[in-house]
PDB file of N, CA and C in Angstrom:
ATOM      1  N   MET A   1      95.922  20.249 -11.983  1.00  0.00           N
ATOM      2  CA  MET A   1      94.753  19.408 -11.859  1.00  0.00           C
ATOM      3  C   MET A   1      95.194  17.951 -11.873  1.00  0.00           C
ATOM      4  N   LYS A   2      94.711  17.211 -10.909  1.00  0.00           N
ATOM      5  CA  LYS A   2      95.008  15.789 -10.859  1.00  0.00           C
ATOM      6  C   LYS A   2      94.099  15.060 -11.840  1.00  0.00           C
ATOM      7  N   TYR A   3      94.709  14.194 -12.650  1.00  0.00           N
ATOM      8  CA  TYR A   3      93.939  13.434 -13.639  1.00  0.00           C
ATOM      9  C   TYR A   3      93.165  12.317 -12.968  1.00  0.00           C
ATOM     10  N   ARG A   4      91.903  12.204 -13.331  1.00  0.00           N
ATOM     11  CA  ARG A   4      91.056  11.089 -12.935  1.00  0.00           C
ATOM     12  C   ARG A   4      90.392  10.595 -14.208  1.00  0.00           C
ATOM     13  N   PRO A   5      90.003   9.324 -14.284  1.00  0.00           N
ATOM     14  CA  PRO A   5      89.432   8.782 -15.524  1.00  0.00           C
ATOM     15  C   PRO A   5      88.245   9.574 -16.053  1.00  0.00           C
ATOM     16  N   TRP A   6      87.486  10.240 -15.214  1.00  0.00           N
ATOM     17  CA  TRP A   6      86.318  10.980 -15.660  1.00  0.00           C
ATOM     18  C   TRP A   6      86.621  12.453 -15.952  1.00  0.00           C
ATOM     19  N   THR A   7      87.883  12.877 -15.788  1.00  0.00           N
ATOM     20  CA  THR A   7      88.262  14.254 -16.070  1.00  0.00           C
ATOM     21  C   THR A   7      88.246  14.485 -17.578  1.00  0.00           C
ATOM     22  N   PRO A   8      87.516  15.492 -18.064  1.00  0.00           N
ATOM     23  CA  PRO A   8      87.535  15.797 -19.498  1.00  0.00           C
ATOM     24  C   PRO A   8      88.964  16.089 -19.964  1.00  0.00           C
ATOM     25  N   VAL A   9      89.319  15.551 -21.091  1.00  0.00           N
ATOM     26  CA  VAL A   9      90.691  15.676 -21.586  1.00  0.00           C
ATOM     27  C   VAL A   9      91.092  17.130 -21.750  1.00  0.00           C
ATOM     28  N   HIS A  10      90.161  17.972 -22.238  1.00  0.00           N
ATOM     29  CA  HIS A  10      90.522  19.371 -22.458  1.00  0.00           C
ATOM     30  C   HIS A  10      90.868  20.081 -21.151  1.00  0.00           C
ATOM     31  N   LEU A  11      90.435  19.556 -20.003  1.00  0.00           N
ATOM     32  CA  LEU A  11      90.804  20.122 -18.711  1.00  0.00           C
ATOM     33  C   LEU A  11      92.072  19.471 -18.164  1.00  0.00           C
ATOM     34  N   ALA A  12      92.194  18.163 -18.351  1.00  0.00           N
ATOM     35  CA  ALA A  12      93.366  17.451 -17.852  1.00  0.00           C
ATOM     36  C   ALA A  12      94.625  17.835 -18.631  1.00  0.00           C
ATOM     37  N   LYS A  13      94.466  18.101 -19.927  1.00  0.00           N
ATOM     38  CA  LYS A  13      95.588  18.477 -20.789  1.00  0.00           C
ATOM     39  C   LYS A  13      95.185  19.731 -21.563  1.00  0.00           C
ATOM     40  N   PRO A  14      95.232  20.896 -20.912  1.00  0.00           N
ATOM     41  CA  PRO A  14      94.706  22.113 -21.536  1.00  0.00           C
ATOM     42  C   PRO A  14      95.452  22.566 -22.784  1.00  0.00           C
ATOM     43  N   ASN A  15      96.621  22.038 -23.037  1.00  0.00           N
ATOM     44  CA  ASN A  15      97.372  22.421 -24.236  1.00  0.00           C
ATOM     45  C   ASN A  15      97.279  21.384 -25.345  1.00  0.00           C
ATOM     46  N   ASN A  16      96.319  20.475 -25.246  1.00  0.00           N
ATOM     47  CA  ASN A  16      96.113  19.449 -26.253  1.00  0.00           C
ATOM     48  C   ASN A  16      95.124  19.983 -27.293  1.00  0.00           C
ATOM     49  N   ALA A  17      95.652  20.426 -28.430  1.00  0.00           N
ATOM     50  CA  ALA A  17      94.820  21.027 -29.468  1.00  0.00           C
ATOM     51  C   ALA A  17      93.757  20.059 -29.977  1.00  0.00           C
ATOM     52  N   ALA A  18      94.113  18.806 -30.167  1.00  0.00           N
ATOM     53  CA  ALA A  18      93.159  17.825 -30.683  1.00  0.00           C
ATOM     54  C   ALA A  18      91.989  17.636 -29.725  1.00  0.00           C
ATOM     55  N   ALA A  19      92.253  17.655 -28.421  1.00  0.00           N
ATOM     56  CA  ALA A  19      91.177  17.510 -27.439  1.00  0.00           C
ATOM     57  C   ALA A  19      90.194  18.669 -27.534  1.00  0.00           C
ATOM     58  N   HIS A  20      90.710  19.877 -27.686  1.00  0.00           N
ATOM     59  CA  HIS A  20      89.828  21.035 -27.826  1.00  0.00           C
ATOM     60  C   HIS A  20      89.041  20.959 -29.137  1.00  0.00           C
ATOM     61  N   GLY A  21      89.699  20.494 -30.189  1.00  0.00           N
ATOM     62  CA  GLY A  21      89.011  20.342 -31.465  1.00  0.00           C
ATOM     63  C   GLY A  21      87.904  19.316 -31.401  1.00  0.00           C
ATOM     64  N   ASN A  22      88.170  18.185 -30.764  1.00  0.00           N
ATOM     65  CA  ASN A  22      87.142  17.143 -30.612  1.00  0.00           C
ATOM     66  C   ASN A  22      85.974  17.646 -29.768  1.00  0.00           C
ATOM     67  N   ARG A  23      86.300  18.401 -28.744  1.00  0.00           N
ATOM     68  CA  ARG A  23      85.255  18.972 -27.896  1.00  0.00           C
ATOM     69  C   ARG A  23      84.394  19.938 -28.711  1.00  0.00           C
ATOM     70  N   GLY A  24      85.046  20.750 -29.530  1.00  0.00           N
ATOM     71  CA  GLY A  24      84.301  21.688 -30.365  1.00  0.00           C
ATOM     72  C   GLY A  24      83.339  20.983 -31.298  1.00  0.00           C
ATOM     73  N   ARG A  25      83.805  19.900 -31.888  1.00  0.00           N
ATOM     74  CA  ARG A  25      82.943  19.121 -32.797  1.00  0.00           C
ATOM     75  C   ARG A  25      81.740  18.552 -32.043  1.00  0.00           C
ATOM     76  N   ALA A  26      81.991  17.998 -30.867  1.00  0.00           N
ATOM     77  CA  ALA A  26      80.911  17.424 -30.068  1.00  0.00           C
ATOM     78  C   ALA A  26      79.911  18.498 -29.645  1.00  0.00           C
ATOM     79  N   LEU A  27      80.410  19.660 -29.245  1.00  0.00           N
ATOM     80  CA  LEU A  27      79.502  20.734 -28.831  1.00  0.00           C
ATOM     81  C   LEU A  27      78.666  21.233 -30.001  1.00  0.00           C
ATOM     82  N   LEU A  28      79.249  21.255 -31.181  1.00  0.00           N
ATOM     83  CA  LEU A  28      78.473  21.663 -32.355  1.00  0.00           C
ATOM     84  C   LEU A  28      77.345  20.670 -32.622  1.00  0.00           C
ATOM     85  N   LEU A  29      77.638  19.385 -32.493  1.00  0.00           N
ATOM     86  CA  LEU A  29      76.604  18.364 -32.684  1.00  0.00           C
ATOM     87  C   LEU A  29      75.498  18.478 -31.634  1.00  0.00           C
ATOM     88  N   LEU A  30      75.851  19.007 -30.462  1.00  0.00           N
ATOM     89  CA  LEU A  30      74.870  19.213 -29.391  1.00  0.00           C
ATOM     90  C   LEU A  30      74.166  20.566 -29.520  1.00  0.00           C
ATOM     91  N   GLU A  31      74.450  21.266 -30.630  1.00  0.00           N
ATOM     92  CA  GLU A  31      73.873  22.580 -30.908  1.00  0.00           C
ATOM     93  C   GLU A  31      74.234  23.616 -29.857  1.00  0.00           C
ATOM     94  N   ARG A  32      75.464  23.517 -29.365  1.00  0.00           N
ATOM     95  CA  ARG A  32      76.012  24.514 -28.437  1.00  0.00           C
ATOM     96  C   ARG A  32      77.104  25.284 -29.188  1.00  0.00           C
ATOM     97  N   ALA A  33      76.653  26.042 -30.177  1.00  0.00           N
ATOM     98  CA  ALA A  33      77.568  26.669 -31.124  1.00  0.00           C
ATOM     99  C   ALA A  33      78.540  27.650 -30.473  1.00  0.00           C
ATOM    100  N   ALA A  34      78.094  28.452 -29.534  1.00  0.00           N
ATOM    101  CA  ALA A  34      78.997  29.420 -28.901  1.00  0.00           C
ATOM    102  C   ALA A  34      80.130  28.707 -28.174  1.00  0.00           C
ATOM    103  N   ASP A  35      79.804  27.635 -27.457  1.00  0.00           N
ATOM    104  CA  ASP A  35      80.836  26.855 -26.766  1.00  0.00           C
ATOM    105  C   ASP A  35      81.737  26.140 -27.765  1.00  0.00           C
ATOM    106  N   ALA A  36      81.145  25.649 -28.840  1.00  0.00           N
ATOM    107  CA  ALA A  36      81.923  24.973 -29.883  1.00  0.00           C
ATOM    108  C   ALA A  36      82.930  25.928 -30.501  1.00  0.00           C
ATOM    109  N   LEU A  37      82.497  27.152 -30.757  1.00  0.00           N
ATOM    110  CA  LEU A  37      83.396  28.144 -31.345  1.00  0.00           C
ATOM    111  C   LEU A  37      84.576  28.411 -30.429  1.00  0.00           C
ATOM    112  N   ALA A  38      84.325  28.542 -29.150  1.00  0.00           N
ATOM    113  CA  ALA A  38      85.411  28.783 -28.196  1.00  0.00           C
ATOM    114  C   ALA A  38      86.404  27.621 -28.194  1.00  0.00           C
ATOM    115  N   SER A  39      85.909  26.398 -28.232  1.00  0.00           N
ATOM    116  CA  SER A  39      86.804  25.230 -28.245  1.00  0.00           C
ATOM    117  C   SER A  39      87.619  25.167 -29.529  1.00  0.00           C
ATOM    118  N   ASN A  40      86.977  25.438 -30.665  1.00  0.00           N
ATOM    119  CA  ASN A  40      87.706  25.420 -31.933  1.00  0.00           C
ATOM    120  C   ASN A  40      88.750  26.526 -31.988  1.00  0.00           C
ATOM    121  N   GLU A  41      88.429  27.688 -31.460  1.00  0.00           N
ATOM    122  CA  GLU A  41      89.398  28.774 -31.444  1.00  0.00           C
ATOM    123  C   GLU A  41      90.589  28.436 -30.561  1.00  0.00           C
ATOM    124  N   ARG A  42      90.344  27.785 -29.439  1.00  0.00           N
ATOM    125  CA  ARG A  42      91.445  27.353 -28.559  1.00  0.00           C
ATOM    126  C   ARG A  42      92.316  26.335 -29.286  1.00  0.00           C
ATOM    127  N   ALA A  43      91.688  25.375 -29.950  1.00  0.00           N
ATOM    128  CA  ALA A  43      92.444  24.357 -30.692  1.00  0.00           C
ATOM    129  C   ALA A  43      93.316  25.015 -31.760  1.00  0.00           C
ATOM    130  N   LEU A  44      92.763  25.958 -32.493  1.00  0.00           N
ATOM    131  CA  LEU A  44      93.518  26.608 -33.567  1.00  0.00           C
ATOM    132  C   LEU A  44      94.592  27.532 -33.026  1.00  0.00           C
ATOM    133  N   PHE A  45      94.385  28.089 -31.857  1.00  0.00           N
ATOM    134  CA  PHE A  45      95.434  28.872 -31.209  1.00  0.00           C
ATOM    135  C   PHE A  45      96.624  27.975 -30.884  1.00  0.00           C
ATOM    136  N   LEU A  46      96.315  26.763 -30.402  1.00  0.00           N
ATOM    137  CA  LEU A  46      97.369  25.821 -30.033  1.00  0.00           C
ATOM    138  C   LEU A  46      98.056  25.206 -31.247  1.00  0.00           C
ATOM    139  N   ASP A  47      97.286  24.943 -32.310  1.00  0.00           N
ATOM    140  CA  ASP A  47      97.852  24.334 -33.525  1.00  0.00           C
ATOM    141  C   ASP A  47      97.039  24.760 -34.744  1.00  0.00           C
ATOM    142  N   PRO A  48      97.457  25.842 -35.394  1.00  0.00           N
ATOM    143  CA  PRO A  48      96.694  26.352 -36.545  1.00  0.00           C
ATOM    144  C   PRO A  48      96.739  25.451 -37.778  1.00  0.00           C
ATOM    145  N   ARG A  49      97.476  24.346 -37.714  1.00  0.00           N
ATOM    146  CA  ARG A  49      97.548  23.426 -38.854  1.00  0.00           C
ATOM    147  C   ARG A  49      96.446  22.381 -38.845  1.00  0.00           C
ATOM    148  N   LEU A  50      95.586  22.387 -37.849  1.00  0.00           N
ATOM    149  CA  LEU A  50      94.525  21.383 -37.740  1.00  0.00           C
ATOM    150  C   LEU A  50      93.395  21.708 -38.716  1.00  0.00           C
ATOM    151  N   VAL A  51      93.444  21.077 -39.871  1.00  0.00           N
ATOM    152  CA  VAL A  51      92.477  21.340 -40.936  1.00  0.00           C
ATOM    153  C   VAL A  51      91.050  21.088 -40.465  1.00  0.00           C
ATOM    154  N   GLU A  52      90.839  20.025 -39.732  1.00  0.00           N
ATOM    155  CA  GLU A  52      89.495  19.687 -39.276  1.00  0.00           C
ATOM    156  C   GLU A  52      88.918  20.799 -38.403  1.00  0.00           C
ATOM    157  N   CYS A  53      89.766  21.434 -37.621  1.00  0.00           N
ATOM    158  CA  CYS A  53      89.284  22.505 -36.748  1.00  0.00           C
ATOM    159  C   CYS A  53      88.889  23.736 -37.546  1.00  0.00           C
ATOM    160  N   TRP A  54      89.591  24.008 -38.644  1.00  0.00           N
ATOM    161  CA  TRP A  54      89.183  25.123 -39.502  1.00  0.00           C
ATOM    162  C   TRP A  54      87.811  24.843 -40.110  1.00  0.00           C
ATOM    163  N   THR A  55      87.604  23.601 -40.539  1.00  0.00           N
ATOM    164  CA  THR A  55      86.310  23.220 -41.093  1.00  0.00           C
ATOM    165  C   THR A  55      85.222  23.316 -40.027  1.00  0.00           C
ATOM    166  N   ASN A  56      85.507  22.789 -38.842  1.00  0.00           N
ATOM    167  CA  ASN A  56      84.527  22.831 -37.756  1.00  0.00           C
ATOM    168  C   ASN A  56      84.225  24.265 -37.336  1.00  0.00           C
ATOM    169  N   LYS A  57      85.262  25.116 -37.312  1.00  0.00           N
ATOM    170  CA  LYS A  57      85.026  26.517 -36.965  1.00  0.00           C
ATOM    171  C   LYS A  57      84.116  27.168 -38.008  1.00  0.00           C
ATOM    172  N   GLY A  58      84.374  26.894 -39.283  1.00  0.00           N
ATOM    173  CA  GLY A  58      83.515  27.425 -40.340  1.00  0.00           C
ATOM    174  C   GLY A  58      82.078  26.947 -40.192  1.00  0.00           C
ATOM    175  N   ASN A  59      81.905  25.665 -39.924  1.00  0.00           N
ATOM    176  CA  ASN A  59      80.555  25.118 -39.738  1.00  0.00           C
ATOM    177  C   ASN A  59      79.854  25.759 -38.536  1.00  0.00           C
ATOM    178  N   THR A  60      80.612  25.993 -37.490  1.00  0.00           N
ATOM    179  CA  THR A  60      80.053  26.627 -36.290  1.00  0.00           C
ATOM    180  C   THR A  60      79.629  28.059 -36.596  1.00  0.00           C
ATOM    181  N   LEU A  61      80.475  28.781 -37.316  1.00  0.00           N
ATOM    182  CA  LEU A  61      80.129  30.157 -37.670  1.00  0.00           C
ATOM    183  C   LEU A  61      78.885  30.207 -38.558  1.00  0.00           C
ATOM    184  N   LEU A  62      78.725  29.229 -39.431  1.00  0.00           N
ATOM    185  CA  LEU A  62      77.501  29.167 -40.234  1.00  0.00           C
ATOM    186  C   LEU A  62      76.281  28.980 -39.345  1.00  0.00           C
ATOM    187  N   GLN A  63      76.420  28.124 -38.354  1.00  0.00           N
ATOM    188  CA  GLN A  63      75.289  27.883 -37.446  1.00  0.00           C
ATOM    189  C   GLN A  63      74.968  29.154 -36.646  1.00  0.00           C
ATOM    190  N   LEU A  64      75.970  29.987 -36.428  1.00  0.00           N
ATOM    191  CA  LEU A  64      75.772  31.249 -35.706  1.00  0.00           C
ATOM    192  C   LEU A  64      75.361  32.395 -36.645  1.00  0.00           C
ATOM    193  N   HIS A  65      75.084  32.057 -37.908  1.00  0.00           N
ATOM    194  CA  HIS A  65      74.660  33.044 -38.918  1.00  0.00           C
ATOM    195  C   HIS A  65      75.733  34.099 -39.170  1.00  0.00           C
ATOM    196  N   ARG A  66      76.988  33.627 -39.289  1.00  0.00           N
ATOM    197  CA  ARG A  66      78.124  34.509 -39.567  1.00  0.00           C
ATOM    198  C   ARG A  66      78.856  33.988 -40.814  1.00  0.00           C
ATOM    199  N   PRO A  67      78.188  34.035 -41.982  1.00  0.00           N
ATOM    200  CA  PRO A  67      78.726  33.395 -43.182  1.00  0.00           C
ATOM    201  C   PRO A  67      80.042  33.991 -43.693  1.00  0.00           C
ATOM    202  N   GLU A  68      80.235  35.293 -43.552  1.00  0.00           N
ATOM    203  CA  GLU A  68      81.477  35.886 -44.043  1.00  0.00           C
ATOM    204  C   GLU A  68      82.684  35.346 -43.272  1.00  0.00           C
ATOM    205  N   GLU A  69      82.537  35.213 -41.958  1.00  0.00           N
ATOM    206  CA  GLU A  69      83.614  34.669 -41.143  1.00  0.00           C
ATOM    207  C   GLU A  69      83.825  33.183 -41.450  1.00  0.00           C
ATOM    208  N   ALA A  70      82.738  32.483 -41.712  1.00  0.00           N
ATOM    209  CA  ALA A  70      82.840  31.059 -42.062  1.00  0.00           C
ATOM    210  C   ALA A  70      83.641  30.891 -43.347  1.00  0.00           C
ATOM    211  N   LEU A  71      83.333  31.716 -44.330  1.00  0.00           N
ATOM    212  CA  LEU A  71      84.040  31.646 -45.604  1.00  0.00           C
ATOM    213  C   LEU A  71      85.535  31.861 -45.412  1.00  0.00           C
ATOM    214  N   ALA A  72      85.895  32.753 -44.525  1.00  0.00           N
ATOM    215  CA  ALA A  72      87.320  33.000 -44.253  1.00  0.00           C
ATOM    216  C   ALA A  72      88.001  31.761 -43.674  1.00  0.00           C
ATOM    217  N   CYS A  73      87.259  30.894 -43.022  1.00  0.00           N
ATOM    218  CA  CYS A  73      87.827  29.642 -42.494  1.00  0.00           C
ATOM    219  C   CYS A  73      88.007  28.616 -43.601  1.00  0.00           C
ATOM    220  N   TYR A  74      87.093  28.614 -44.567  1.00  0.00           N
ATOM    221  CA  TYR A  74      87.124  27.616 -45.632  1.00  0.00           C
ATOM    222  C   TYR A  74      88.101  27.952 -46.752  1.00  0.00           C
ATOM    223  N   GLU A  75      88.241  29.222 -47.082  1.00  0.00           N
ATOM    224  CA  GLU A  75      89.039  29.615 -48.257  1.00  0.00           C
ATOM    225  C   GLU A  75      90.460  29.060 -48.252  1.00  0.00           C
ATOM    226  N   PRO A  76      91.187  29.101 -47.136  1.00  0.00           N
ATOM    227  CA  PRO A  76      92.551  28.554 -47.169  1.00  0.00           C
ATOM    228  C   PRO A  76      92.605  27.045 -47.399  1.00  0.00           C
ATOM    229  N   LEU A  77      91.483  26.369 -47.204  1.00  0.00           N
ATOM    230  CA  LEU A  77      91.458  24.914 -47.330  1.00  0.00           C
ATOM    231  C   LEU A  77      91.196  24.438 -48.754  1.00  0.00           C
ATOM    232  N   VAL A  78      90.770  25.337 -49.618  1.00  0.00           N
ATOM    233  CA  VAL A  78      90.493  24.961 -51.006  1.00  0.00           C
ATOM    234  C   VAL A  78      91.786  24.480 -51.641  1.00  0.00           C
ATOM    235  N   GLY A  79      91.769  23.266 -52.140  1.00  0.00           N
ATOM    236  CA  GLY A  79      92.957  22.676 -52.759  1.00  0.00           C
ATOM    237  C   GLY A  79      93.964  22.126 -51.772  1.00  0.00           C
ATOM    238  N   TYR A  80      93.620  22.079 -50.504  1.00  0.00           N
ATOM    239  CA  TYR A  80      94.561  21.593 -49.491  1.00  0.00           C
ATOM    240  C   TYR A  80      95.049  20.186 -49.793  1.00  0.00           C
ATOM    241  N   GLU A  81      94.134  19.270 -50.082  1.00  0.00           N
ATOM    242  CA  GLU A  81      94.523  17.889 -50.395  1.00  0.00           C
ATOM    243  C   GLU A  81      95.305  17.830 -51.686  1.00  0.00           C
ATOM    244  N   ALA A  82      94.949  18.670 -52.639  1.00  0.00           N
ATOM    245  CA  ALA A  82      95.655  18.675 -53.927  1.00  0.00           C
ATOM    246  C   ALA A  82      97.102  19.116 -53.768  1.00  0.00           C
ATOM    247  N   ARG A  83      97.378  19.878 -52.715  1.00  0.00           N
ATOM    248  CA  ARG A  83      98.746  20.335 -52.468  1.00  0.00           C
ATOM    249  C   ARG A  83      99.588  19.277 -51.777  1.00  0.00           C
ATOM    250  N   GLY A  84      98.999  18.115 -51.549  1.00  0.00           N
ATOM    251  CA  GLY A  84      99.765  17.000 -50.977  1.00  0.00           C
ATOM    252  C   GLY A  84      99.754  16.935 -49.474  1.00  0.00           C
ATOM    253  N   HIS A  85      98.737  17.473 -48.850  1.00  0.00           N
ATOM    254  CA  HIS A  85      98.654  17.411 -47.381  1.00  0.00           C
ATOM    255  C   HIS A  85      97.738  16.308 -46.954  1.00  0.00           C
TER     256      HIS A  85
END
């Protein structure tokens, strides 16, 4: 794909985890939870260390009424900052 200024980053750079994560956050704010979940899952596939994406995925799953799956996203993050990250 040829890059143009109006090309969405997640399409121009499909392996950019942060771009997919940012897209997921924006889609969640637009109440497009299913699309947000797909973007967050892509971001985490590319870089599972992205803490914000785990949080966003959990928030998205809550919006989709899937609390058990959401909890599984949050549990590894408990104490994350305390561990020096």
